[in-house]
Amino acid sequence: MDLLTYLQHSWPTLLKLTAEHLALVGSAVGMAILIGVPLGIAITRFRWLATPVLTLATIVLTLPSIALFGLMIPIFARFGHALGYLPAVTAVFLYSLLPIMRNTYTALVNIDPGIQEAGRGIGMTTWQRMRRVDLPLAVPVILGGVRTAVVMNIGVATIAAIIGAGGLGVLILQAISQSNMSKLAVGAILVSVLAIVADAFLQWLQKVLTPKGIRL
């Protein structure tokens, strides 16, 4: 079966697997933003926490992806979810946490002290300055971390098929077991296109959310 024939007959399955892949990565990165950005802010306020927290997140990121997915199995088996969506999302979440948290911390600690002093001078509290000055200035760098997490984990999430979480990894595993080069090519191309489209969208979002003064 050639590539075009396979695409004609299999597009509903391909759409379903692509949607599963997007849901897996989107859920994991969304949770990483909700937790990673506040953690990045917290270690900015309490600098002594920065080194241990970032080191721990770096250690997690250095674990081979297949090993991390494997580690999730005995942990979630205690709750009756050894395989499937939940352990996969947790593993991808852990991979997403470091770039988002680190970029948040880096962006905030590198804000011009003169800008912060100006905020204090007009009577802003610490959290008012964080919300109205520091975070808007940090947005481009924070979104840079989100872009890194999304693009990296679109590839990593293919491993999730091994523990029954679905996604485009299913297509690639089937192709390898069947020695089907058309299916393998489609799976690899879809993962690559997904990463490119997601990165382009987040780059556009980064420009839109960047304050005009910084853009200029």
N, C-alpha and C. Protein backbone atom coordinates (compact mmCIF):
# COMPACT_ATOMS: atom_id res chain seq x y z
N MET A 1 0.85 -1.20 0.00
CA MET A 1 0.00 0.00 0.00
C MET A 1 0.88 1.24 0.00
N ASP A 2 0.68 2.13 -1.01
CA ASP A 2 1.52 3.32 -1.06
C ASP A 2 0.98 4.38 -0.11
N LEU A 3 1.74 5.47 -0.02
CA LEU A 3 1.45 6.50 0.98
C LEU A 3 0.09 7.15 0.77
N LEU A 4 -0.23 7.53 -0.48
CA LEU A 4 -1.49 8.21 -0.77
C LEU A 4 -2.69 7.31 -0.51
N THR A 5 -2.56 6.06 -0.89
CA THR A 5 -3.65 5.11 -0.65
C THR A 5 -3.90 4.94 0.84
N TYR A 6 -2.82 4.84 1.58
CA TYR A 6 -2.96 4.69 3.03
C TYR A 6 -3.65 5.92 3.63
N LEU A 7 -3.27 7.12 3.20
CA LEU A 7 -3.89 8.34 3.71
C LEU A 7 -5.38 8.40 3.39
N GLN A 8 -5.76 7.98 2.19
CA GLN A 8 -7.16 8.01 1.78
C GLN A 8 -8.02 7.09 2.63
N HIS A 9 -7.48 5.94 2.98
CA HIS A 9 -8.26 4.95 3.72
C HIS A 9 -8.20 5.14 5.24
N SER A 10 -7.22 5.89 5.71
CA SER A 10 -6.97 5.91 7.16
C SER A 10 -7.14 7.28 7.80
N TRP A 11 -7.62 8.29 7.06
CA TRP A 11 -7.65 9.64 7.62
C TRP A 11 -8.52 9.77 8.89
N PRO A 12 -9.65 9.02 9.04
CA PRO A 12 -10.40 9.15 10.31
C PRO A 12 -9.56 8.68 11.51
N THR A 13 -8.84 7.58 11.33
CA THR A 13 -7.97 7.08 12.41
C THR A 13 -6.85 8.07 12.71
N LEU A 14 -6.29 8.65 11.65
CA LEU A 14 -5.21 9.62 11.83
C LEU A 14 -5.69 10.85 12.59
N LEU A 15 -6.88 11.32 12.27
CA LEU A 15 -7.45 12.47 12.99
C LEU A 15 -7.67 12.14 14.46
N LYS A 16 -8.18 10.94 14.72
CA LYS A 16 -8.43 10.51 16.11
C LYS A 16 -7.12 10.45 16.90
N LEU A 17 -6.08 9.85 16.32
CA LEU A 17 -4.80 9.73 17.01
C LEU A 17 -4.13 11.09 17.20
N THR A 18 -4.29 11.98 16.21
CA THR A 18 -3.74 13.33 16.35
C THR A 18 -4.44 14.09 17.47
N ALA A 19 -5.76 13.95 17.55
CA ALA A 19 -6.51 14.61 18.62
C ALA A 19 -6.09 14.08 19.99
N GLU A 20 -5.88 12.76 20.10
CA GLU A 20 -5.41 12.17 21.36
C GLU A 20 -4.04 12.72 21.73
N HIS A 21 -3.18 12.85 20.74
CA HIS A 21 -1.82 13.36 20.97
C HIS A 21 -1.87 14.80 21.47
N LEU A 22 -2.69 15.62 20.81
CA LEU A 22 -2.83 17.02 21.22
C LEU A 22 -3.41 17.13 22.63
N ALA A 23 -4.40 16.29 22.93
CA ALA A 23 -5.02 16.33 24.26
C ALA A 23 -4.01 15.95 25.34
N LEU A 24 -3.18 14.96 25.05
CA LEU A 24 -2.17 14.52 26.01
C LEU A 24 -1.16 15.62 26.29
N VAL A 25 -0.60 16.20 25.22
CA VAL A 25 0.42 17.25 25.38
C VAL A 25 -0.21 18.52 25.95
N GLY A 26 -1.40 18.88 25.46
CA GLY A 26 -2.05 20.09 25.93
C GLY A 26 -2.38 20.04 27.41
N SER A 27 -2.89 18.90 27.87
CA SER A 27 -3.22 18.75 29.30
C SER A 27 -1.96 18.85 30.16
N ALA A 28 -0.91 18.14 29.73
CA ALA A 28 0.33 18.12 30.51
C ALA A 28 0.99 19.49 30.58
N VAL A 29 1.09 20.16 29.43
CA VAL A 29 1.73 21.48 29.40
C VAL A 29 0.85 22.51 30.11
N GLY A 30 -0.46 22.38 29.98
CA GLY A 30 -1.36 23.29 30.70
C GLY A 30 -1.16 23.21 32.21
N MET A 31 -1.04 21.98 32.73
CA MET A 31 -0.78 21.81 34.17
C MET A 31 0.60 22.34 34.53
N ALA A 32 1.56 22.14 33.63
CA ALA A 32 2.93 22.63 33.90
C ALA A 32 2.96 24.15 33.97
N ILE A 33 2.14 24.83 33.16
CA ILE A 33 2.05 26.30 33.22
C ILE A 33 1.43 26.72 34.55
N LEU A 34 0.32 26.05 34.93
CA LEU A 34 -0.38 26.41 36.16
C LEU A 34 0.48 26.20 37.41
N ILE A 35 1.38 25.24 37.37
CA ILE A 35 2.24 24.95 38.52
C ILE A 35 3.63 25.57 38.36
N GLY A 36 4.17 25.53 37.14
CA GLY A 36 5.54 25.99 36.91
C GLY A 36 5.72 27.49 37.04
N VAL A 37 4.74 28.27 36.56
CA VAL A 37 4.86 29.73 36.67
C VAL A 37 4.81 30.19 38.13
N PRO A 38 3.83 29.73 38.93
CA PRO A 38 3.85 30.10 40.37
C PRO A 38 5.12 29.62 41.08
N LEU A 39 5.62 28.43 40.73
CA LEU A 39 6.86 27.95 41.34
C LEU A 39 8.04 28.86 40.96
N GLY A 40 8.06 29.28 39.69
CA GLY A 40 9.11 30.20 39.25
C GLY A 40 9.05 31.51 40.00
N ILE A 41 7.84 32.01 40.25
CA ILE A 41 7.67 33.24 41.03
C ILE A 41 8.12 33.02 42.47
N ALA A 42 7.76 31.85 43.03
CA ALA A 42 8.10 31.57 44.43
C ALA A 42 9.61 31.51 44.64
N ILE A 43 10.33 30.86 43.73
CA ILE A 43 11.79 30.75 43.92
C ILE A 43 12.49 32.07 43.59
N THR A 44 11.76 32.98 42.94
CA THR A 44 12.29 34.34 42.77
C THR A 44 12.22 35.09 44.09
N ARG A 45 11.14 34.86 44.82
CA ARG A 45 10.96 35.52 46.10
C ARG A 45 11.84 34.90 47.19
N PHE A 46 12.03 33.59 47.11
CA PHE A 46 12.85 32.87 48.10
C PHE A 46 14.02 32.21 47.36
N ARG A 47 15.06 33.01 47.13
CA ARG A 47 16.16 32.59 46.26
C ARG A 47 16.86 31.32 46.74
N TRP A 48 16.83 31.05 48.06
CA TRP A 48 17.51 29.86 48.57
C TRP A 48 16.85 28.57 48.07
N LEU A 49 15.59 28.67 47.61
CA LEU A 49 14.91 27.51 47.07
C LEU A 49 15.26 27.24 45.61
N ALA A 50 15.80 28.24 44.92
CA ALA A 50 16.00 28.14 43.48
C ALA A 50 16.89 26.96 43.09
N THR A 51 18.05 26.85 43.73
CA THR A 51 19.00 25.81 43.34
C THR A 51 18.43 24.40 43.55
N PRO A 52 17.90 24.06 44.76
CA PRO A 52 17.38 22.70 44.92
C PRO A 52 16.18 22.38 44.02
N VAL A 53 15.28 23.35 43.85
CA VAL A 53 14.09 23.09 43.04
C VAL A 53 14.46 22.91 41.57
N LEU A 54 15.30 23.79 41.04
CA LEU A 54 15.70 23.68 39.64
C LEU A 54 16.57 22.45 39.40
N THR A 55 17.40 22.10 40.38
CA THR A 55 18.23 20.90 40.24
C THR A 55 17.36 19.65 40.19
N LEU A 56 16.35 19.57 41.05
CA LEU A 56 15.44 18.43 41.06
C LEU A 56 14.71 18.30 39.72
N ALA A 57 14.23 19.44 39.20
CA ALA A 57 13.54 19.42 37.91
C ALA A 57 14.48 19.02 36.78
N THR A 58 15.74 19.44 36.87
CA THR A 58 16.73 19.07 35.84
C THR A 58 17.00 17.57 35.87
N ILE A 59 17.08 16.99 37.07
CA ILE A 59 17.30 15.54 37.20
C ILE A 59 16.17 14.77 36.53
N VAL A 60 14.93 15.22 36.76
CA VAL A 60 13.78 14.56 36.13
C VAL A 60 13.89 14.64 34.62
N LEU A 61 14.30 15.80 34.10
CA LEU A 61 14.39 15.99 32.66
C LEU A 61 15.48 15.12 32.04
N THR A 62 16.51 14.77 32.80
CA THR A 62 17.60 13.95 32.25
C THR A 62 17.25 12.46 32.21
N LEU A 63 16.16 12.05 32.88
CA LEU A 63 15.76 10.65 32.83
C LEU A 63 15.31 10.29 31.42
N PRO A 64 15.72 9.14 30.89
CA PRO A 64 15.22 8.71 29.58
C PRO A 64 13.70 8.64 29.60
N SER A 65 13.08 9.07 28.52
CA SER A 65 11.62 9.15 28.51
C SER A 65 10.97 7.79 28.73
N ILE A 66 11.50 6.75 28.13
CA ILE A 66 10.89 5.43 28.30
C ILE A 66 11.00 4.97 29.76
N ALA A 67 12.10 5.37 30.43
CA ALA A 67 12.26 5.01 31.85
C ALA A 67 11.26 5.77 32.72
N LEU A 68 11.04 7.05 32.41
CA LEU A 68 10.09 7.84 33.20
C LEU A 68 8.68 7.31 33.04
N PHE A 69 8.30 6.95 31.81
CA PHE A 69 6.99 6.35 31.61
C PHE A 69 6.87 5.04 32.38
N GLY A 70 7.97 4.27 32.38
CA GLY A 70 7.98 3.01 33.13
C GLY A 70 7.84 3.22 34.62
N LEU A 71 8.46 4.28 35.14
CA LEU A 71 8.37 4.58 36.57
C LEU A 71 6.95 4.94 37.00
N MET A 72 6.17 5.50 36.07
CA MET A 72 4.80 5.88 36.39
C MET A 72 3.91 4.65 36.64
N ILE A 73 4.27 3.50 36.04
CA ILE A 73 3.40 2.32 36.12
C ILE A 73 3.22 1.83 37.57
N PRO A 74 4.30 1.54 38.32
CA PRO A 74 4.08 1.07 39.70
C PRO A 74 3.47 2.13 40.61
N ILE A 75 3.78 3.41 40.33
CA ILE A 75 3.22 4.48 41.17
C ILE A 75 1.70 4.55 41.01
N PHE A 76 1.23 4.57 39.75
CA PHE A 76 -0.21 4.70 39.51
C PHE A 76 -0.96 3.38 39.66
N ALA A 77 -0.21 2.25 39.68
CA ALA A 77 -0.85 0.96 39.92
C ALA A 77 -1.50 0.91 41.29
N ARG A 78 -0.95 1.67 42.24
CA ARG A 78 -1.51 1.72 43.59
C ARG A 78 -2.92 2.33 43.60
N PHE A 79 -3.21 3.13 42.55
CA PHE A 79 -4.51 3.80 42.47
C PHE A 79 -5.39 3.19 41.37
N GLY A 80 -4.95 2.05 40.84
CA GLY A 80 -5.73 1.37 39.81
C GLY A 80 -5.60 1.97 38.42
N HIS A 81 -4.55 2.77 38.18
CA HIS A 81 -4.35 3.38 36.86
C HIS A 81 -2.92 3.16 36.37
N ALA A 82 -2.49 1.91 36.37
CA ALA A 82 -1.10 1.60 36.00
C ALA A 82 -0.80 1.99 34.56
N LEU A 83 -1.79 1.84 33.69
CA LEU A 83 -1.60 2.14 32.28
C LEU A 83 -2.62 3.19 31.84
N GLY A 84 -2.32 3.82 30.70
CA GLY A 84 -3.29 4.74 30.12
C GLY A 84 -2.94 6.21 30.25
N TYR A 85 -3.98 7.02 30.22
CA TYR A 85 -3.85 8.47 30.07
C TYR A 85 -3.18 9.14 31.28
N LEU A 86 -3.60 8.77 32.49
CA LEU A 86 -3.14 9.48 33.69
C LEU A 86 -1.62 9.38 33.91
N PRO A 87 -1.01 8.20 33.89
CA PRO A 87 0.45 8.15 34.06
C PRO A 87 1.19 8.83 32.92
N ALA A 88 0.63 8.76 31.71
CA ALA A 88 1.28 9.41 30.57
C ALA A 88 1.28 10.92 30.72
N VAL A 89 0.14 11.49 31.12
CA VAL A 89 0.06 12.94 31.32
C VAL A 89 1.01 13.38 32.42
N THR A 90 1.12 12.58 33.47
CA THR A 90 2.02 12.93 34.57
C THR A 90 3.47 12.96 34.12
N ALA A 91 3.86 11.97 33.32
CA ALA A 91 5.24 11.93 32.82
C ALA A 91 5.54 13.13 31.92
N VAL A 92 4.62 13.45 31.00
CA VAL A 92 4.83 14.59 30.10
C VAL A 92 4.80 15.90 30.89
N PHE A 93 3.96 15.98 31.91
CA PHE A 93 3.93 17.14 32.80
C PHE A 93 5.29 17.37 33.46
N LEU A 94 5.90 16.30 33.97
CA LEU A 94 7.21 16.42 34.62
C LEU A 94 8.27 16.90 33.65
N TYR A 95 8.20 16.44 32.40
CA TYR A 95 9.14 16.91 31.38
C TYR A 95 8.90 18.38 31.02
N SER A 96 7.67 18.83 31.14
CA SER A 96 7.34 20.21 30.76
C SER A 96 7.69 21.22 31.85
N LEU A 97 7.80 20.75 33.08
CA LEU A 97 7.91 21.66 34.22
C LEU A 97 9.18 22.49 34.20
N LEU A 98 10.33 21.86 33.92
CA LEU A 98 11.61 22.57 34.02
C LEU A 98 11.71 23.78 33.10
N PRO A 99 11.48 23.65 31.77
CA PRO A 99 11.65 24.84 30.92
C PRO A 99 10.73 25.99 31.28
N ILE A 100 9.50 25.69 31.73
CA ILE A 100 8.56 26.74 32.10
C ILE A 100 8.98 27.41 33.40
N MET A 101 9.31 26.61 34.40
CA MET A 101 9.71 27.15 35.69
C MET A 101 11.03 27.92 35.58
N ARG A 102 11.99 27.35 34.86
CA ARG A 102 13.30 28.00 34.73
C ARG A 102 13.19 29.31 33.97
N ASN A 103 12.41 29.34 32.90
CA ASN A 103 12.26 30.58 32.14
C ASN A 103 11.54 31.66 32.95
N THR A 104 10.56 31.25 33.76
CA THR A 104 9.87 32.21 34.63
C THR A 104 10.86 32.82 35.61
N TYR A 105 11.64 31.98 36.24
CA TYR A 105 12.64 32.45 37.22
C TYR A 105 13.67 33.36 36.54
N THR A 106 14.21 32.92 35.40
CA THR A 106 15.24 33.70 34.69
C THR A 106 14.71 35.06 34.27
N ALA A 107 13.48 35.07 33.74
CA ALA A 107 12.89 36.33 33.28
C ALA A 107 12.71 37.31 34.43
N LEU A 108 12.23 36.82 35.57
CA LEU A 108 11.94 37.72 36.69
C LEU A 108 13.20 38.24 37.37
N VAL A 109 14.23 37.41 37.50
CA VAL A 109 15.45 37.88 38.18
C VAL A 109 16.26 38.82 37.30
N ASN A 110 15.97 38.85 35.99
CA ASN A 110 16.74 39.71 35.09
C ASN A 110 16.00 40.99 34.70
N ILE A 111 14.88 41.27 35.35
CA ILE A 111 14.18 42.53 35.09
C ILE A 111 15.03 43.69 35.62
N ASP A 112 15.09 44.74 34.86
CA ASP A 112 15.88 45.92 35.22
C ASP A 112 15.49 46.43 36.61
N PRO A 113 16.44 46.49 37.55
CA PRO A 113 16.13 46.99 38.90
C PRO A 113 15.53 48.39 38.91
N GLY A 114 15.89 49.21 37.91
CA GLY A 114 15.35 50.56 37.83
C GLY A 114 13.85 50.56 37.61
N ILE A 115 13.36 49.60 36.81
CA ILE A 115 11.92 49.48 36.57
C ILE A 115 11.21 49.08 37.86
N GLN A 116 11.81 48.13 38.58
CA GLN A 116 11.22 47.70 39.84
C GLN A 116 11.20 48.84 40.86
N GLU A 117 12.27 49.61 40.88
CA GLU A 117 12.35 50.73 41.82
C GLU A 117 11.31 51.79 41.50
N ALA A 118 11.04 51.97 40.19
CA ALA A 118 10.01 52.92 39.79
C ALA A 118 8.63 52.49 40.31
N GLY A 119 8.38 51.17 40.26
CA GLY A 119 7.12 50.65 40.79
C GLY A 119 6.99 50.91 42.28
N ARG A 120 8.09 50.70 43.00
CA ARG A 120 8.06 50.98 44.44
C ARG A 120 7.82 52.47 44.69
N GLY A 121 8.42 53.29 43.84
CA GLY A 121 8.34 54.74 44.00
C GLY A 121 6.94 55.28 43.87
N ILE A 122 6.09 54.62 43.07
CA ILE A 122 4.71 55.10 42.92
C ILE A 122 3.76 54.40 43.88
N GLY A 123 4.34 53.65 44.84
CA GLY A 123 3.54 53.08 45.91
C GLY A 123 2.97 51.69 45.67
N MET A 124 3.47 50.98 44.66
CA MET A 124 2.98 49.63 44.41
C MET A 124 3.49 48.67 45.49
N THR A 125 2.62 47.73 45.87
CA THR A 125 3.06 46.66 46.76
C THR A 125 3.85 45.64 45.93
N THR A 126 4.48 44.69 46.60
CA THR A 126 5.26 43.66 45.90
C THR A 126 4.41 42.91 44.89
N TRP A 127 3.21 42.49 45.29
CA TRP A 127 2.38 41.70 44.39
C TRP A 127 1.72 42.56 43.31
N GLN A 128 1.46 43.84 43.59
CA GLN A 128 0.98 44.73 42.52
C GLN A 128 2.06 44.90 41.45
N ARG A 129 3.30 45.06 41.91
CA ARG A 129 4.40 45.21 40.95
C ARG A 129 4.61 43.93 40.15
N MET A 130 4.45 42.80 40.83
CA MET A 130 4.60 41.52 40.13
C MET A 130 3.53 41.37 39.05
N ARG A 131 2.29 41.73 39.38
CA ARG A 131 1.18 41.53 38.44
C ARG A 131 1.17 42.54 37.31
N ARG A 132 1.51 43.81 37.63
CA ARG A 132 1.37 44.87 36.63
C ARG A 132 2.65 45.21 35.89
N VAL A 133 3.79 44.85 36.46
CA VAL A 133 5.07 45.23 35.85
C VAL A 133 5.91 44.01 35.50
N ASP A 134 6.25 43.21 36.53
CA ASP A 134 7.22 42.14 36.33
C ASP A 134 6.72 41.05 35.38
N LEU A 135 5.51 40.53 35.63
CA LEU A 135 5.01 39.43 34.80
C LEU A 135 4.77 39.85 33.34
N PRO A 136 4.18 41.05 33.07
CA PRO A 136 4.07 41.45 31.66
C PRO A 136 5.42 41.54 30.95
N LEU A 137 6.45 42.00 31.66
CA LEU A 137 7.78 42.08 31.06
C LEU A 137 8.39 40.69 30.86
N ALA A 138 7.99 39.74 31.72
CA ALA A 138 8.54 38.39 31.65
C ALA A 138 7.83 37.49 30.64
N VAL A 139 6.68 37.93 30.13
CA VAL A 139 5.86 37.09 29.25
C VAL A 139 6.64 36.49 28.07
N PRO A 140 7.45 37.27 27.33
CA PRO A 140 8.14 36.68 26.18
C PRO A 140 9.04 35.51 26.57
N VAL A 141 9.76 35.64 27.67
CA VAL A 141 10.67 34.58 28.09
C VAL A 141 9.88 33.38 28.62
N ILE A 142 8.80 33.63 29.37
CA ILE A 142 7.97 32.53 29.88
C ILE A 142 7.38 31.73 28.72
N LEU A 143 6.86 32.43 27.72
CA LEU A 143 6.29 31.74 26.57
C LEU A 143 7.36 31.02 25.76
N GLY A 144 8.60 31.52 25.82
CA GLY A 144 9.70 30.79 25.20
C GLY A 144 9.87 29.42 25.86
N GLY A 145 9.71 29.37 27.18
CA GLY A 145 9.76 28.09 27.89
C GLY A 145 8.60 27.19 27.53
N VAL A 146 7.41 27.78 27.36
CA VAL A 146 6.24 27.00 26.96
C VAL A 146 6.47 26.41 25.57
N ARG A 147 7.01 27.21 24.65
CA ARG A 147 7.30 26.71 23.31
C ARG A 147 8.25 25.53 23.36
N THR A 148 9.30 25.66 24.16
CA THR A 148 10.26 24.56 24.29
C THR A 148 9.59 23.31 24.82
N ALA A 149 8.75 23.47 25.85
CA ALA A 149 8.06 22.32 26.46
C ALA A 149 7.12 21.65 25.46
N VAL A 150 6.36 22.45 24.72
CA VAL A 150 5.40 21.88 23.77
C VAL A 150 6.09 21.12 22.66
N VAL A 151 7.08 21.75 22.02
CA VAL A 151 7.76 21.10 20.89
C VAL A 151 8.47 19.83 21.35
N MET A 152 9.16 19.91 22.48
CA MET A 152 9.89 18.74 22.99
C MET A 152 8.92 17.60 23.31
N ASN A 153 7.80 17.92 23.94
CA ASN A 153 6.90 16.87 24.42
C ASN A 153 5.95 16.33 23.36
N ILE A 154 5.81 17.02 22.25
CA ILE A 154 5.08 16.40 21.14
C ILE A 154 5.84 15.16 20.67
N GLY A 155 7.16 15.24 20.70
CA GLY A 155 7.97 14.07 20.37
C GLY A 155 7.96 13.04 21.49
N VAL A 156 8.15 13.50 22.72
CA VAL A 156 8.19 12.58 23.87
C VAL A 156 6.88 11.82 24.01
N ALA A 157 5.76 12.47 23.72
CA ALA A 157 4.44 11.85 23.93
C ALA A 157 4.21 10.63 23.05
N THR A 158 5.01 10.46 22.00
CA THR A 158 4.85 9.25 21.18
C THR A 158 5.15 8.00 22.00
N ILE A 159 6.03 8.13 23.02
CA ILE A 159 6.37 6.98 23.87
C ILE A 159 5.17 6.56 24.71
N ALA A 160 4.22 7.48 24.91
CA ALA A 160 3.05 7.18 25.75
C ALA A 160 2.23 6.02 25.21
N ALA A 161 2.35 5.73 23.92
CA ALA A 161 1.61 4.61 23.33
C ALA A 161 2.02 3.28 23.97
N ILE A 162 3.23 3.20 24.48
CA ILE A 162 3.72 1.96 25.10
C ILE A 162 2.90 1.61 26.33
N ILE A 163 2.40 2.64 27.05
CA ILE A 163 1.61 2.36 28.25
C ILE A 163 0.11 2.59 27.99
N GLY A 164 -0.27 2.52 26.72
CA GLY A 164 -1.69 2.53 26.37
C GLY A 164 -2.38 3.87 26.44
N ALA A 165 -1.62 4.97 26.24
CA ALA A 165 -2.22 6.30 26.34
C ALA A 165 -2.69 6.84 24.99
N GLY A 166 -2.51 6.09 23.92
CA GLY A 166 -2.95 6.53 22.61
C GLY A 166 -2.01 7.54 21.98
N GLY A 167 -2.54 8.30 21.03
CA GLY A 167 -1.72 9.29 20.33
C GLY A 167 -1.02 8.71 19.12
N LEU A 168 -0.22 9.53 18.47
CA LEU A 168 0.44 9.14 17.23
C LEU A 168 1.50 8.07 17.44
N GLY A 169 1.93 7.87 18.68
CA GLY A 169 2.86 6.79 18.95
C GLY A 169 2.28 5.42 18.62
N VAL A 170 0.94 5.28 18.72
CA VAL A 170 0.28 4.03 18.35
C VAL A 170 0.57 3.69 16.90
N LEU A 171 0.46 4.70 16.04
CA LEU A 171 0.70 4.52 14.61
C LEU A 171 2.14 4.08 14.37
N ILE A 172 3.08 4.71 15.04
CA ILE A 172 4.49 4.40 14.84
C ILE A 172 4.81 3.00 15.35
N LEU A 173 4.27 2.62 16.51
CA LEU A 173 4.51 1.27 17.04
C LEU A 173 3.91 0.20 16.13
N GLN A 174 2.71 0.46 15.61
CA GLN A 174 2.09 -0.49 14.68
C GLN A 174 2.93 -0.62 13.42
N ALA A 175 3.42 0.50 12.92
CA ALA A 175 4.22 0.48 11.70
C ALA A 175 5.51 -0.34 11.88
N ILE A 176 6.13 -0.18 13.06
CA ILE A 176 7.37 -0.93 13.32
C ILE A 176 7.07 -2.42 13.42
N SER A 177 6.00 -2.79 14.13
CA SER A 177 5.67 -4.21 14.29
C SER A 177 5.26 -4.86 12.97
N GLN A 178 4.67 -4.06 12.06
CA GLN A 178 4.20 -4.58 10.78
C GLN A 178 5.19 -4.36 9.65
N SER A 179 6.31 -3.68 9.95
CA SER A 179 7.30 -3.30 8.92
C SER A 179 6.62 -2.54 7.78
N ASN A 180 5.69 -1.65 8.16
CA ASN A 180 4.92 -0.87 7.19
C ASN A 180 5.54 0.53 7.07
N MET A 181 6.30 0.74 6.01
CA MET A 181 7.02 2.00 5.86
C MET A 181 6.10 3.19 5.58
N SER A 182 4.99 2.93 4.90
CA SER A 182 4.03 4.02 4.63
C SER A 182 3.44 4.54 5.94
N LYS A 183 3.03 3.61 6.79
CA LYS A 183 2.45 3.99 8.08
C LYS A 183 3.48 4.69 8.96
N LEU A 184 4.72 4.19 8.93
CA LEU A 184 5.79 4.80 9.72
C LEU A 184 6.07 6.22 9.25
N ALA A 185 6.11 6.42 7.94
CA ALA A 185 6.37 7.75 7.38
C ALA A 185 5.26 8.72 7.75
N VAL A 186 4.01 8.26 7.67
CA VAL A 186 2.87 9.12 8.01
C VAL A 186 2.95 9.52 9.48
N GLY A 187 3.23 8.56 10.36
CA GLY A 187 3.31 8.85 11.78
C GLY A 187 4.41 9.86 12.09
N ALA A 188 5.59 9.64 11.51
CA ALA A 188 6.72 10.55 11.75
C ALA A 188 6.44 11.94 11.21
N ILE A 189 5.84 12.01 10.02
CA ILE A 189 5.54 13.32 9.41
C ILE A 189 4.49 14.07 10.23
N LEU A 190 3.46 13.35 10.69
CA LEU A 190 2.42 14.02 11.48
C LEU A 190 2.97 14.58 12.78
N VAL A 191 3.85 13.84 13.45
CA VAL A 191 4.47 14.34 14.68
C VAL A 191 5.28 15.59 14.39
N SER A 192 6.05 15.57 13.30
CA SER A 192 6.88 16.73 12.94
C SER A 192 6.02 17.94 12.58
N VAL A 193 4.98 17.72 11.78
CA VAL A 193 4.10 18.82 11.37
C VAL A 193 3.39 19.41 12.59
N LEU A 194 2.95 18.55 13.49
CA LEU A 194 2.30 19.00 14.71
C LEU A 194 3.22 19.91 15.52
N ALA A 195 4.48 19.50 15.64
CA ALA A 195 5.45 20.30 16.39
C ALA A 195 5.70 21.65 15.72
N ILE A 196 5.81 21.65 14.40
CA ILE A 196 6.08 22.89 13.65
C ILE A 196 4.89 23.85 13.77
N VAL A 197 3.67 23.33 13.61
CA VAL A 197 2.46 24.17 13.69
C VAL A 197 2.31 24.73 15.10
N ALA A 198 2.52 23.89 16.11
CA ALA A 198 2.40 24.35 17.50
C ALA A 198 3.43 25.44 17.80
N ASP A 199 4.65 25.25 17.33
CA ASP A 199 5.69 26.24 17.57
C ASP A 199 5.37 27.56 16.87
N ALA A 200 4.85 27.48 15.63
CA ALA A 200 4.49 28.70 14.90
C ALA A 200 3.36 29.45 15.61
N PHE A 201 2.37 28.71 16.11
CA PHE A 201 1.26 29.34 16.82
C PHE A 201 1.75 30.01 18.10
N LEU A 202 2.59 29.32 18.86
CA LEU A 202 3.09 29.89 20.11
C LEU A 202 4.02 31.07 19.86
N GLN A 203 4.74 31.04 18.75
CA GLN A 203 5.58 32.19 18.40
C GLN A 203 4.72 33.41 18.11
N TRP A 204 3.61 33.18 17.39
CA TRP A 204 2.67 34.28 17.12
C TRP A 204 2.06 34.79 18.43
N LEU A 205 1.66 33.86 19.31
CA LEU A 205 1.08 34.25 20.60
C LEU A 205 2.09 35.02 21.44
N GLN A 206 3.34 34.62 21.37
CA GLN A 206 4.40 35.31 22.10
C GLN A 206 4.52 36.76 21.66
N LYS A 207 4.42 36.99 20.35
CA LYS A 207 4.52 38.35 19.82
C LYS A 207 3.30 39.17 20.23
N VAL A 208 2.12 38.55 20.20
CA VAL A 208 0.88 39.26 20.54
C VAL A 208 0.88 39.68 22.00
N LEU A 209 1.35 38.81 22.88
CA LEU A 209 1.30 39.07 24.32
C LEU A 209 2.48 39.88 24.84
N THR A 210 3.49 40.09 23.99
CA THR A 210 4.63 40.89 24.41
C THR A 210 4.24 42.36 24.45
N PRO A 211 4.48 43.06 25.57
CA PRO A 211 4.15 44.50 25.64
C PRO A 211 4.76 45.28 24.49
N LYS A 212 4.01 46.27 24.00
CA LYS A 212 4.46 47.02 22.82
C LYS A 212 5.80 47.68 23.02
N GLY A 213 6.05 48.16 24.23
CA GLY A 213 7.33 48.83 24.50
C GLY A 213 8.52 47.91 24.29
N ILE A 214 8.38 46.62 24.66
CA ILE A 214 9.46 45.66 24.47
C ILE A 214 9.60 45.32 23.00
N ARG A 215 8.45 45.16 22.30
CA ARG A 215 8.49 44.83 20.88
C ARG A 215 9.23 45.90 20.10
N LEU A 216 8.99 47.16 20.46
CA LEU A 216 9.63 48.26 19.75
C LEU A 216 11.10 48.35 20.10
